[in-house]
Amino acid sequence: MNKVIFDNQCSLCLDIKNKLEQLDKKNKFTWISSNQYIETENTHPKINQKTLNSTIVVIHNNNTIITKFLACRYILSKIPLFYPILIFFYIPFISLYIGNKVYKSISSSRNCS
């Protein structure tokens, strides 16, 4: 099962996580708070506290990681409700450029305690 590590100190992140977790009817993801990951599961050398404070992290079953827009796109690709709009997330060059800009804008404007 894929692990999703999210910032549990951020109300926006918690709200999005709760909604996506409800939509994940096939339980494709295990949702782990950043605090819990640091305390109990800190097993991936590329994931540090700075990364966890700044982005969402998906750890695939094969132990590879994806972050930021690519992580969001991956999560949405596993939830059937988003299938009709997924094509827009995979347009070569354009989707990565726009997706990363939108992700960075939202990420930098969130209010976390």
PDB file of N, CA and C in Angstrom:
ATOM      1  N   MET A   1       0.840  -1.183   0.000  1.00  0.00           N
ATOM      2  CA  MET A   1       0.000   0.000   0.000  1.00  0.00           C
ATOM      3  C   MET A   1       0.885   1.246   0.000  1.00  0.00           C
ATOM      4  N   ASN A   2       0.479   2.253  -0.725  1.00  0.00           N
ATOM      5  CA  ASN A   2       1.211   3.516  -0.777  1.00  0.00           C
ATOM      6  C   ASN A   2       1.003   4.295   0.511  1.00  0.00           C
ATOM      7  N   LYS A   3       2.050   4.959   0.961  1.00  0.00           N
ATOM      8  CA  LYS A   3       1.957   5.796   2.153  1.00  0.00           C
ATOM      9  C   LYS A   3       1.934   7.255   1.721  1.00  0.00           C
ATOM     10  N   VAL A   4       1.034   8.015   2.325  1.00  0.00           N
ATOM     11  CA  VAL A   4       0.974   9.454   2.088  1.00  0.00           C
ATOM     12  C   VAL A   4       1.299  10.132   3.408  1.00  0.00           C
ATOM     13  N   ILE A   5       2.341  10.948   3.386  1.00  0.00           N
ATOM     14  CA  ILE A   5       2.737  11.679   4.582  1.00  0.00           C
ATOM     15  C   ILE A   5       2.315  13.129   4.388  1.00  0.00           C
ATOM     16  N   PHE A   6       1.543  13.629   5.337  1.00  0.00           N
ATOM     17  CA  PHE A   6       0.983  14.978   5.226  1.00  0.00           C
ATOM     18  C   PHE A   6       1.303  15.774   6.477  1.00  0.00           C
ATOM     19  N   ASP A   7       1.250  17.086   6.362  1.00  0.00           N
ATOM     20  CA  ASP A   7       1.531  17.992   7.476  1.00  0.00           C
ATOM     21  C   ASP A   7       0.299  18.079   8.367  1.00  0.00           C
ATOM     22  N   ASN A   8       0.361  17.445   9.507  1.00  0.00           N
ATOM     23  CA  ASN A   8      -0.792  17.429  10.403  1.00  0.00           C
ATOM     24  C   ASN A   8      -0.899  18.698  11.251  1.00  0.00           C
ATOM     25  N   GLN A   9       0.022  19.639  11.074  1.00  0.00           N
ATOM     26  CA  GLN A   9      -0.052  20.924  11.765  1.00  0.00           C
ATOM     27  C   GLN A   9      -0.762  21.983  10.917  1.00  0.00           C
ATOM     28  N   CYS A  10      -1.177  21.599   9.727  1.00  0.00           N
ATOM     29  CA  CYS A  10      -1.782  22.535   8.779  1.00  0.00           C
ATOM     30  C   CYS A  10      -3.262  22.187   8.601  1.00  0.00           C
ATOM     31  N   SER A  11      -4.132  23.139   8.866  1.00  0.00           N
ATOM     32  CA  SER A  11      -5.566  22.860   8.763  1.00  0.00           C
ATOM     33  C   SER A  11      -5.979  22.572   7.318  1.00  0.00           C
ATOM     34  N   LEU A  12      -5.388  23.265   6.354  1.00  0.00           N
ATOM     35  CA  LEU A  12      -5.692  22.996   4.943  1.00  0.00           C
ATOM     36  C   LEU A  12      -5.284  21.563   4.579  1.00  0.00           C
ATOM     37  N   CYS A  13      -4.101  21.169   4.994  1.00  0.00           N
ATOM     38  CA  CYS A  13      -3.617  19.809   4.698  1.00  0.00           C
ATOM     39  C   CYS A  13      -4.521  18.755   5.336  1.00  0.00           C
ATOM     40  N   LEU A  14      -4.928  19.006   6.567  1.00  0.00           N
ATOM     41  CA  LEU A  14      -5.819  18.058   7.254  1.00  0.00           C
ATOM     42  C   LEU A  14      -7.172  17.961   6.555  1.00  0.00           C
ATOM     43  N   ASP A  15      -7.718  19.095   6.135  1.00  0.00           N
ATOM     44  CA  ASP A  15      -9.007  19.085   5.434  1.00  0.00           C
ATOM     45  C   ASP A  15      -8.918  18.310   4.123  1.00  0.00           C
ATOM     46  N   ILE A  16      -7.880  18.574   3.351  1.00  0.00           N
ATOM     47  CA  ILE A  16      -7.705  17.880   2.076  1.00  0.00           C
ATOM     48  C   ILE A  16      -7.480  16.394   2.315  1.00  0.00           C
ATOM     49  N   LYS A  17      -6.658  16.065   3.287  1.00  0.00           N
ATOM     50  CA  LYS A  17      -6.405  14.655   3.620  1.00  0.00           C
ATOM     51  C   LYS A  17      -7.707  13.949   3.999  1.00  0.00           C
ATOM     52  N   ASN A  18      -8.529  14.583   4.824  1.00  0.00           N
ATOM     53  CA  ASN A  18      -9.789  13.968   5.260  1.00  0.00           C
ATOM     54  C   ASN A  18     -10.730  13.716   4.083  1.00  0.00           C
ATOM     55  N   LYS A  19     -10.819  14.671   3.180  1.00  0.00           N
ATOM     56  CA  LYS A  19     -11.686  14.500   2.010  1.00  0.00           C
ATOM     57  C   LYS A  19     -11.167  13.397   1.078  1.00  0.00           C
ATOM     58  N   LEU A  20      -9.869  13.411   0.832  1.00  0.00           N
ATOM     59  CA  LEU A  20      -9.298  12.384  -0.051  1.00  0.00           C
ATOM     60  C   LEU A  20      -9.383  10.995   0.587  1.00  0.00           C
ATOM     61  N   GLU A  21      -9.200  10.930   1.869  1.00  0.00           N
ATOM     62  CA  GLU A  21      -9.299   9.642   2.570  1.00  0.00           C
ATOM     63  C   GLU A  21     -10.714   9.074   2.454  1.00  0.00           C
ATOM     64  N   GLN A  22     -11.723   9.932   2.529  1.00  0.00           N
ATOM     65  CA  GLN A  22     -13.107   9.494   2.357  1.00  0.00           C
ATOM     66  C   GLN A  22     -13.361   9.001   0.936  1.00  0.00           C
ATOM     67  N   LEU A  23     -12.750   9.646  -0.039  1.00  0.00           N
ATOM     68  CA  LEU A  23     -12.944   9.275  -1.439  1.00  0.00           C
ATOM     69  C   LEU A  23     -12.142   8.037  -1.838  1.00  0.00           C
ATOM     70  N   ASP A  24     -11.162   7.677  -1.051  1.00  0.00           N
ATOM     71  CA  ASP A  24     -10.306   6.521  -1.323  1.00  0.00           C
ATOM     72  C   ASP A  24     -11.017   5.236  -0.882  1.00  0.00           C
ATOM     73  N   LYS A  25     -12.043   4.878  -1.614  1.00  0.00           N
ATOM     74  CA  LYS A  25     -12.890   3.733  -1.245  1.00  0.00           C
ATOM     75  C   LYS A  25     -12.151   2.391  -1.306  1.00  0.00           C
ATOM     76  N   LYS A  26     -11.127   2.303  -2.138  1.00  0.00           N
ATOM     77  CA  LYS A  26     -10.379   1.047  -2.276  1.00  0.00           C
ATOM     78  C   LYS A  26      -9.159   0.993  -1.362  1.00  0.00           C
ATOM     79  N   ASN A  27      -9.039   1.979  -0.499  1.00  0.00           N
ATOM     80  CA  ASN A  27      -7.939   2.031   0.466  1.00  0.00           C
ATOM     81  C   ASN A  27      -6.574   1.832  -0.186  1.00  0.00           C
ATOM     82  N   LYS A  28      -6.318   2.625  -1.195  1.00  0.00           N
ATOM     83  CA  LYS A  28      -5.036   2.566  -1.903  1.00  0.00           C
ATOM     84  C   LYS A  28      -3.911   3.211  -1.099  1.00  0.00           C
ATOM     85  N   PHE A  29      -4.278   4.032  -0.095  1.00  0.00           N
ATOM     86  CA  PHE A  29      -3.283   4.796   0.636  1.00  0.00           C
ATOM     87  C   PHE A  29      -3.400   4.603   2.136  1.00  0.00           C
ATOM     88  N   THR A  30      -2.248   4.633   2.777  1.00  0.00           N
ATOM     89  CA  THR A  30      -2.176   4.745   4.226  1.00  0.00           C
ATOM     90  C   THR A  30      -1.748   6.177   4.513  1.00  0.00           C
ATOM     91  N   TRP A  31      -2.532   6.887   5.281  1.00  0.00           N
ATOM     92  CA  TRP A  31      -2.272   8.297   5.558  1.00  0.00           C
ATOM     93  C   TRP A  31      -1.522   8.396   6.877  1.00  0.00           C
ATOM     94  N   ILE A  32      -0.367   9.032   6.849  1.00  0.00           N
ATOM     95  CA  ILE A  32       0.497   9.124   8.021  1.00  0.00           C
ATOM     96  C   ILE A  32       0.823  10.595   8.269  1.00  0.00           C
ATOM     97  N   SER A  33       0.598  11.049   9.494  1.00  0.00           N
ATOM     98  CA  SER A  33       0.943  12.429   9.817  1.00  0.00           C
ATOM     99  C   SER A  33       2.459  12.583   9.841  1.00  0.00           C
ATOM    100  N   SER A  34       2.926  13.782   9.548  1.00  0.00           N
ATOM    101  CA  SER A  34       4.372  14.014   9.532  1.00  0.00           C
ATOM    102  C   SER A  34       4.992  13.741  10.899  1.00  0.00           C
ATOM    103  N   ASN A  35       4.292  14.087  11.959  1.00  0.00           N
ATOM    104  CA  ASN A  35       4.807  13.806  13.308  1.00  0.00           C
ATOM    105  C   ASN A  35       4.952  12.310  13.545  1.00  0.00           C
ATOM    106  N   GLN A  36       3.939  11.561  13.160  1.00  0.00           N
ATOM    107  CA  GLN A  36       3.972  10.109  13.339  1.00  0.00           C
ATOM    108  C   GLN A  36       5.102   9.492  12.518  1.00  0.00           C
ATOM    109  N   TYR A  37       5.297   9.989  11.312  1.00  0.00           N
ATOM    110  CA  TYR A  37       6.357   9.448  10.463  1.00  0.00           C
ATOM    111  C   TYR A  37       7.725   9.666  11.096  1.00  0.00           C
ATOM    112  N   ILE A  38       7.984  10.871  11.575  1.00  0.00           N
ATOM    113  CA  ILE A  38       9.272  11.182  12.207  1.00  0.00           C
ATOM    114  C   ILE A  38       9.488  10.324  13.448  1.00  0.00           C
ATOM    115  N   GLU A  39       8.440  10.145  14.244  1.00  0.00           N
ATOM    116  CA  GLU A  39       8.572   9.413  15.513  1.00  0.00           C
ATOM    117  C   GLU A  39       8.708   7.908  15.335  1.00  0.00           C
ATOM    118  N   THR A  40       7.997   7.338  14.358  1.00  0.00           N
ATOM    119  CA  THR A  40       7.928   5.874  14.303  1.00  0.00           C
ATOM    120  C   THR A  40       8.413   5.231  13.021  1.00  0.00           C
ATOM    121  N   GLU A  41       8.363   5.942  11.896  1.00  0.00           N
ATOM    122  CA  GLU A  41       8.609   5.269  10.628  1.00  0.00           C
ATOM    123  C   GLU A  41       9.702   5.898   9.783  1.00  0.00           C
ATOM    124  N   ASN A  42      10.469   6.767  10.318  1.00  0.00           N
ATOM    125  CA  ASN A  42      11.443   7.515   9.528  1.00  0.00           C
ATOM    126  C   ASN A  42      12.444   6.558   8.876  1.00  0.00           C
ATOM    127  N   THR A  43      12.026   5.986   7.735  1.00  0.00           N
ATOM    128  CA  THR A  43      12.804   4.924   7.116  1.00  0.00           C
ATOM    129  C   THR A  43      13.395   5.291   5.769  1.00  0.00           C
ATOM    130  N   HIS A  44      13.053   6.443   5.243  1.00  0.00           N
ATOM    131  CA  HIS A  44      13.539   6.806   3.911  1.00  0.00           C
ATOM    132  C   HIS A  44      14.564   7.930   4.033  1.00  0.00           C
ATOM    133  N   PRO A  45      15.771   7.726   3.523  1.00  0.00           N
ATOM    134  CA  PRO A  45      16.832   8.725   3.709  1.00  0.00           C
ATOM    135  C   PRO A  45      16.571  10.070   3.027  1.00  0.00           C
ATOM    136  N   LYS A  46      15.719  10.127   2.024  1.00  0.00           N
ATOM    137  CA  LYS A  46      15.455  11.379   1.312  1.00  0.00           C
ATOM    138  C   LYS A  46      14.361  12.219   1.974  1.00  0.00           C
ATOM    139  N   ILE A  47      13.746  11.697   3.005  1.00  0.00           N
ATOM    140  CA  ILE A  47      12.660  12.431   3.659  1.00  0.00           C
ATOM    141  C   ILE A  47      13.161  12.971   4.993  1.00  0.00           C
ATOM    142  N   ASN A  48      13.193  14.291   5.100  1.00  0.00           N
ATOM    143  CA  ASN A  48      13.601  14.931   6.348  1.00  0.00           C
ATOM    144  C   ASN A  48      12.499  15.872   6.817  1.00  0.00           C
ATOM    145  N   GLN A  49      12.712  16.500   7.957  1.00  0.00           N
ATOM    146  CA  GLN A  49      11.693  17.371   8.532  1.00  0.00           C
ATOM    147  C   GLN A  49      11.379  18.551   7.612  1.00  0.00           C
ATOM    148  N   LYS A  50      12.378  19.104   6.957  1.00  0.00           N
ATOM    149  CA  LYS A  50      12.146  20.231   6.051  1.00  0.00           C
ATOM    150  C   LYS A  50      11.219  19.830   4.910  1.00  0.00           C
ATOM    151  N   THR A  51      11.441  18.655   4.343  1.00  0.00           N
ATOM    152  CA  THR A  51      10.577  18.151   3.278  1.00  0.00           C
ATOM    153  C   THR A  51       9.156  17.971   3.788  1.00  0.00           C
ATOM    154  N   LEU A  52       9.025  17.366   4.958  1.00  0.00           N
ATOM    155  CA  LEU A  52       7.704  17.106   5.521  1.00  0.00           C
ATOM    156  C   LEU A  52       6.951  18.391   5.851  1.00  0.00           C
ATOM    157  N   ASN A  53       7.671  19.449   6.194  1.00  0.00           N
ATOM    158  CA  ASN A  53       7.029  20.725   6.513  1.00  0.00           C
ATOM    159  C   ASN A  53       6.613  21.503   5.272  1.00  0.00           C
ATOM    160  N   SER A  54       7.150  21.123   4.113  1.00  0.00           N
ATOM    161  CA  SER A  54       6.907  21.940   2.928  1.00  0.00           C
ATOM    162  C   SER A  54       6.072  21.269   1.844  1.00  0.00           C
ATOM    163  N   THR A  55       5.880  19.973   1.917  1.00  0.00           N
ATOM    164  CA  THR A  55       5.159  19.301   0.832  1.00  0.00           C
ATOM    165  C   THR A  55       4.541  17.992   1.284  1.00  0.00           C
ATOM    166  N   ILE A  56       3.633  17.508   0.465  1.00  0.00           N
ATOM    167  CA  ILE A  56       3.068  16.183   0.664  1.00  0.00           C
ATOM    168  C   ILE A  56       4.045  15.171   0.065  1.00  0.00           C
ATOM    169  N   VAL A  57       4.138  14.010   0.675  1.00  0.00           N
ATOM    170  CA  VAL A  57       5.072  12.981   0.224  1.00  0.00           C
ATOM    171  C   VAL A  57       4.311  11.675   0.043  1.00  0.00           C
ATOM    172  N   VAL A  58       4.520  11.040  -1.101  1.00  0.00           N
ATOM    173  CA  VAL A  58       3.967   9.703  -1.333  1.00  0.00           C
ATOM    174  C   VAL A  58       5.141   8.738  -1.433  1.00  0.00           C
ATOM    175  N   ILE A  59       5.073   7.669  -0.648  1.00  0.00           N
ATOM    176  CA  ILE A  59       6.074   6.606  -0.727  1.00  0.00           C
ATOM    177  C   ILE A  59       5.391   5.410  -1.390  1.00  0.00           C
ATOM    178  N   HIS A  60       5.883   5.061  -2.577  1.00  0.00           N
ATOM    179  CA  HIS A  60       5.342   3.910  -3.297  1.00  0.00           C
ATOM    180  C   HIS A  60       5.740   2.619  -2.591  1.00  0.00           C
ATOM    181  N   ASN A  61       5.063   1.560  -2.970  1.00  0.00           N
ATOM    182  CA  ASN A  61       5.381   0.239  -2.431  1.00  0.00           C
ATOM    183  C   ASN A  61       6.839  -0.143  -2.672  1.00  0.00           C
ATOM    184  N   ASN A  62       7.423   0.332  -3.769  1.00  0.00           N
ATOM    185  CA  ASN A  62       8.806  -0.009  -4.086  1.00  0.00           C
ATOM    186  C   ASN A  62       9.794   0.966  -3.440  1.00  0.00           C
ATOM    187  N   ASN A  63       9.328   1.777  -2.489  1.00  0.00           N
ATOM    188  CA  ASN A  63      10.133   2.687  -1.685  1.00  0.00           C
ATOM    189  C   ASN A  63      10.634   3.925  -2.438  1.00  0.00           C
ATOM    190  N   THR A  64      10.095   4.196  -3.626  1.00  0.00           N
ATOM    191  CA  THR A  64      10.415   5.452  -4.285  1.00  0.00           C
ATOM    192  C   THR A  64       9.478   6.529  -3.750  1.00  0.00           C
ATOM    193  N   ILE A  65       9.924   7.782  -3.816  1.00  0.00           N
ATOM    194  CA  ILE A  65       9.087   8.861  -3.297  1.00  0.00           C
ATOM    195  C   ILE A  65       8.746   9.847  -4.406  1.00  0.00           C
ATOM    196  N   ILE A  66       7.578  10.451  -4.265  1.00  0.00           N
ATOM    197  CA  ILE A  66       7.185  11.563  -5.119  1.00  0.00           C
ATOM    198  C   ILE A  66       6.619  12.650  -4.211  1.00  0.00           C
ATOM    199  N   THR A  67       6.786  13.888  -4.646  1.00  0.00           N
ATOM    200  CA  THR A  67       6.368  15.022  -3.827  1.00  0.00           C
ATOM    201  C   THR A  67       5.652  16.057  -4.681  1.00  0.00           C
ATOM    202  N   LYS A  68       5.132  17.041  -4.030  1.00  0.00           N
ATOM    203  CA  LYS A  68       4.514  18.222  -4.631  1.00  0.00           C
ATOM    204  C   LYS A  68       3.407  17.863  -5.621  1.00  0.00           C
ATOM    205  N   PHE A  69       3.392  18.508  -6.780  1.00  0.00           N
ATOM    206  CA  PHE A  69       2.332  18.285  -7.760  1.00  0.00           C
ATOM    207  C   PHE A  69       2.266  16.834  -8.211  1.00  0.00           C
ATOM    208  N   LEU A  70       3.412  16.209  -8.418  1.00  0.00           N
ATOM    209  CA  LEU A  70       3.413  14.814  -8.883  1.00  0.00           C
ATOM    210  C   LEU A  70       2.755  13.890  -7.862  1.00  0.00           C
ATOM    211  N   ALA A  71       2.952  14.171  -6.580  1.00  0.00           N
ATOM    212  CA  ALA A  71       2.299  13.373  -5.537  1.00  0.00           C
ATOM    213  C   ALA A  71       0.788  13.582  -5.568  1.00  0.00           C
ATOM    214  N   CYS A  72       0.371  14.832  -5.713  1.00  0.00           N
ATOM    215  CA  CYS A  72      -1.073  15.124  -5.796  1.00  0.00           C
ATOM    216  C   CYS A  72      -1.688  14.445  -7.008  1.00  0.00           C
ATOM    217  N   ARG A  73      -1.021  14.545  -8.143  1.00  0.00           N
ATOM    218  CA  ARG A  73      -1.519  13.920  -9.367  1.00  0.00           C
ATOM    219  C   ARG A  73      -1.623  12.407  -9.195  1.00  0.00           C
ATOM    220  N   TYR A  74      -0.635  11.810  -8.556  1.00  0.00           N
ATOM    221  CA  TYR A  74      -0.658  10.360  -8.332  1.00  0.00           C
ATOM    222  C   TYR A  74      -1.845   9.965  -7.457  1.00  0.00           C
ATOM    223  N   ILE A  75      -2.062  10.703  -6.384  1.00  0.00           N
ATOM    224  CA  ILE A  75      -3.190  10.395  -5.490  1.00  0.00           C
ATOM    225  C   ILE A  75      -4.509  10.507  -6.251  1.00  0.00           C
ATOM    226  N   LEU A  76      -4.688  11.593  -6.996  1.00  0.00           N
ATOM    227  CA  LEU A  76      -5.935  11.781  -7.750  1.00  0.00           C
ATOM    228  C   LEU A  76      -6.122  10.690  -8.804  1.00  0.00           C
ATOM    229  N   SER A  77      -5.025  10.172  -9.342  1.00  0.00           N
ATOM    230  CA  SER A  77      -5.132   9.136 -10.372  1.00  0.00           C
ATOM    231  C   SER A  77      -5.623   7.804  -9.819  1.00  0.00           C
ATOM    232  N   LYS A  78      -5.606   7.650  -8.518  1.00  0.00           N
ATOM    233  CA  LYS A  78      -6.052   6.406  -7.891  1.00  0.00           C
ATOM    234  C   LYS A  78      -7.471   6.496  -7.327  1.00  0.00           C
ATOM    235  N   ILE A  79      -8.103   7.659  -7.480  1.00  0.00           N
ATOM    236  CA  ILE A  79      -9.454   7.860  -6.951  1.00  0.00           C
ATOM    237  C   ILE A  79     -10.414   8.044  -8.129  1.00  0.00           C
ATOM    238  N   PRO A  80     -11.343   7.107  -8.320  1.00  0.00           N
ATOM    239  CA  PRO A  80     -12.219   7.119  -9.502  1.00  0.00           C
ATOM    240  C   PRO A  80     -12.988   8.415  -9.743  1.00  0.00           C
ATOM    241  N   LEU A  81     -13.344   9.137  -8.725  1.00  0.00           N
ATOM    242  CA  LEU A  81     -14.086  10.386  -8.904  1.00  0.00           C
ATOM    243  C   LEU A  81     -13.335  11.371  -9.808  1.00  0.00           C
ATOM    244  N   PHE A  82     -12.027  11.316  -9.792  1.00  0.00           N
ATOM    245  CA  PHE A  82     -11.214  12.260 -10.563  1.00  0.00           C
ATOM    246  C   PHE A  82     -10.866  11.765 -11.965  1.00  0.00           C
ATOM    247  N   TYR A  83     -11.262  10.566 -12.324  1.00  0.00           N
ATOM    248  CA  TYR A  83     -10.924  10.020 -13.642  1.00  0.00           C
ATOM    249  C   TYR A  83     -11.327  10.939 -14.799  1.00  0.00           C
ATOM    250  N   PRO A  84     -12.520  11.554 -14.766  1.00  0.00           N
ATOM    251  CA  PRO A  84     -12.911  12.399 -15.912  1.00  0.00           C
ATOM    252  C   PRO A  84     -11.994  13.600 -16.164  1.00  0.00           C
ATOM    253  N   ILE A  85     -11.313  14.088 -15.148  1.00  0.00           N
ATOM    254  CA  ILE A  85     -10.466  15.269 -15.343  1.00  0.00           C
ATOM    255  C   ILE A  85      -8.973  14.937 -15.381  1.00  0.00           C
ATOM    256  N   LEU A  86      -8.623  13.689 -15.210  1.00  0.00           N
ATOM    257  CA  LEU A  86      -7.207  13.307 -15.151  1.00  0.00           C
ATOM    258  C   LEU A  86      -6.426  13.656 -16.409  1.00  0.00           C
ATOM    259  N   ILE A  87      -7.072  13.633 -17.550  1.00  0.00           N
ATOM    260  CA  ILE A  87      -6.372  13.925 -18.795  1.00  0.00           C
ATOM    261  C   ILE A  87      -5.671  15.286 -18.739  1.00  0.00           C
ATOM    262  N   PHE A  88      -6.285  16.241 -18.033  1.00  0.00           N
ATOM    263  CA  PHE A  88      -5.695  17.572 -17.921  1.00  0.00           C
ATOM    264  C   PHE A  88      -4.431  17.585 -17.055  1.00  0.00           C
ATOM    265  N   PHE A  89      -4.286  16.575 -16.200  1.00  0.00           N
ATOM    266  CA  PHE A  89      -3.116  16.481 -15.330  1.00  0.00           C
ATOM    267  C   PHE A  89      -1.933  15.792 -16.023  1.00  0.00           C
ATOM    268  N   TYR A  90      -2.160  15.280 -17.231  1.00  0.00           N
ATOM    269  CA  TYR A  90      -1.119  14.540 -17.941  1.00  0.00           C
ATOM    270  C   TYR A  90      -0.781  15.124 -19.311  1.00  0.00           C
ATOM    271  N   ILE A  91      -1.196  16.344 -19.598  1.00  0.00           N
ATOM    272  CA  ILE A  91      -0.838  16.979 -20.865  1.00  0.00           C
ATOM    273  C   ILE A  91       0.671  17.264 -20.823  1.00  0.00           C
ATOM    274  N   PRO A  92       1.426  16.746 -21.771  1.00  0.00           N
ATOM    275  CA  PRO A  92       2.885  16.931 -21.727  1.00  0.00           C
ATOM    276  C   PRO A  92       3.294  18.401 -21.604  1.00  0.00           C
ATOM    277  N   PHE A  93       4.266  18.640 -20.773  1.00  0.00           N
ATOM    278  CA  PHE A  93       4.868  19.952 -20.514  1.00  0.00           C
ATOM    279  C   PHE A  93       3.909  20.928 -19.836  1.00  0.00           C
ATOM    280  N   ILE A  94       2.731  21.109 -20.388  1.00  0.00           N
ATOM    281  CA  ILE A  94       1.794  22.106 -19.874  1.00  0.00           C
ATOM    282  C   ILE A  94       1.305  21.739 -18.474  1.00  0.00           C
ATOM    283  N   SER A  95       0.895  20.487 -18.286  1.00  0.00           N
ATOM    284  CA  SER A  95       0.329  20.114 -16.986  1.00  0.00           C
ATOM    285  C   SER A  95       1.375  20.196 -15.880  1.00  0.00           C
ATOM    286  N   LEU A  96       2.607  19.793 -16.162  1.00  0.00           N
ATOM    287  CA  LEU A  96       3.653  19.899 -15.142  1.00  0.00           C
ATOM    288  C   LEU A  96       3.949  21.354 -14.807  1.00  0.00           C
ATOM    289  N   TYR A  97       4.029  22.186 -15.819  1.00  0.00           N
ATOM    290  CA  TYR A  97       4.325  23.597 -15.594  1.00  0.00           C
ATOM    291  C   TYR A  97       3.212  24.260 -14.776  1.00  0.00           C
ATOM    292  N   ILE A  98       1.989  24.111 -15.235  1.00  0.00           N
ATOM    293  CA  ILE A  98       0.855  24.734 -14.541  1.00  0.00           C
ATOM    294  C   ILE A  98       0.631  24.074 -13.178  1.00  0.00           C
ATOM    295  N   GLY A  99       0.693  22.761 -13.142  1.00  0.00           N
ATOM    296  CA  GLY A  99       0.479  22.036 -11.888  1.00  0.00           C
ATOM    297  C   GLY A  99       1.474  22.433 -10.815  1.00  0.00           C
ATOM    298  N   ASN A 100       2.741  22.552 -11.184  1.00  0.00           N
ATOM    299  CA  ASN A 100       3.757  22.955 -10.213  1.00  0.00           C
ATOM    300  C   ASN A 100       3.560  24.394  -9.756  1.00  0.00           C
ATOM    301  N   LYS A 101       3.147  25.276 -10.669  1.00  0.00           N
ATOM    302  CA  LYS A 101       2.874  26.673 -10.301  1.00  0.00           C
ATOM    303  C   LYS A 101       1.703  26.756  -9.318  1.00  0.00           C
ATOM    304  N   VAL A 102       0.623  26.044  -9.618  1.00  0.00           N
ATOM    305  CA  VAL A 102      -0.552  26.059  -8.740  1.00  0.00           C
ATOM    306  C   VAL A 102      -0.200  25.440  -7.390  1.00  0.00           C
ATOM    307  N   TYR A 103       0.504  24.316  -7.407  1.00  0.00           N
ATOM    308  CA  TYR A 103       0.886  23.669  -6.143  1.00  0.00           C
ATOM    309  C   TYR A 103       1.747  24.609  -5.300  1.00  0.00           C
ATOM    310  N   LYS A 104       2.736  25.240  -5.913  1.00  0.00           N
ATOM    311  CA  LYS A 104       3.632  26.141  -5.188  1.00  0.00           C
ATOM    312  C   LYS A 104       2.859  27.322  -4.608  1.00  0.00           C
ATOM    313  N   SER A 105       1.915  27.855  -5.371  1.00  0.00           N
ATOM    314  CA  SER A 105       1.108  28.978  -4.905  1.00  0.00           C
ATOM    315  C   SER A 105       0.287  28.600  -3.689  1.00  0.00           C
ATOM    316  N   ILE A 106      -0.394  27.471  -3.755  1.00  0.00           N
ATOM    317  CA  ILE A 106      -1.219  27.008  -2.624  1.00  0.00           C
ATOM    318  C   ILE A 106      -0.338  26.673  -1.435  1.00  0.00           C
ATOM    319  N   SER A 107       0.751  25.969  -1.681  1.00  0.00           N
ATOM    320  CA  SER A 107       1.642  25.545  -0.605  1.00  0.00           C
ATOM    321  C   SER A 107       2.256  26.725   0.133  1.00  0.00           C
ATOM    322  N   SER A 108       2.645  27.739  -0.600  1.00  0.00           N
ATOM    323  CA  SER A 108       3.294  28.885   0.045  1.00  0.00           C
ATOM    324  C   SER A 108       2.307  29.803   0.755  1.00  0.00           C
ATOM    325  N   SER A 109       1.034  29.728   0.433  1.00  0.00           N
ATOM    326  CA  SER A 109       0.052  30.617   1.047  1.00  0.00           C
ATOM    327  C   SER A 109      -0.716  29.969   2.201  1.00  0.00           C
ATOM    328  N   ARG A 110      -0.445  28.711   2.479  1.00  0.00           N
ATOM    329  CA  ARG A 110      -1.175  28.047   3.569  1.00  0.00           C
ATOM    330  C   ARG A 110      -0.701  28.557   4.921  1.00  0.00           C
ATOM    331  N   ASN A 111      -1.614  28.571   5.881  1.00  0.00           N
ATOM    332  CA  ASN A 111      -1.283  29.025   7.242  1.00  0.00           C
ATOM    333  C   ASN A 111      -1.177  27.820   8.157  1.00  0.00           C
ATOM    334  N   CYS A 112       0.027  27.505   8.515  1.00  0.00           N
ATOM    335  CA  CYS A 112       0.259  26.353   9.388  1.00  0.00           C
ATOM    336  C   CYS A 112       0.781  26.843  10.724  1.00  0.00           C
ATOM    337  N   SER A 113       0.368  26.142  11.753  1.00  0.00           N
ATOM    338  CA  SER A 113       0.827  26.548  13.102  1.00  0.00           C
ATOM    339  C   SER A 113       2.057  25.789  13.502  1.00  0.00           C
TER     340      SER A 113
END
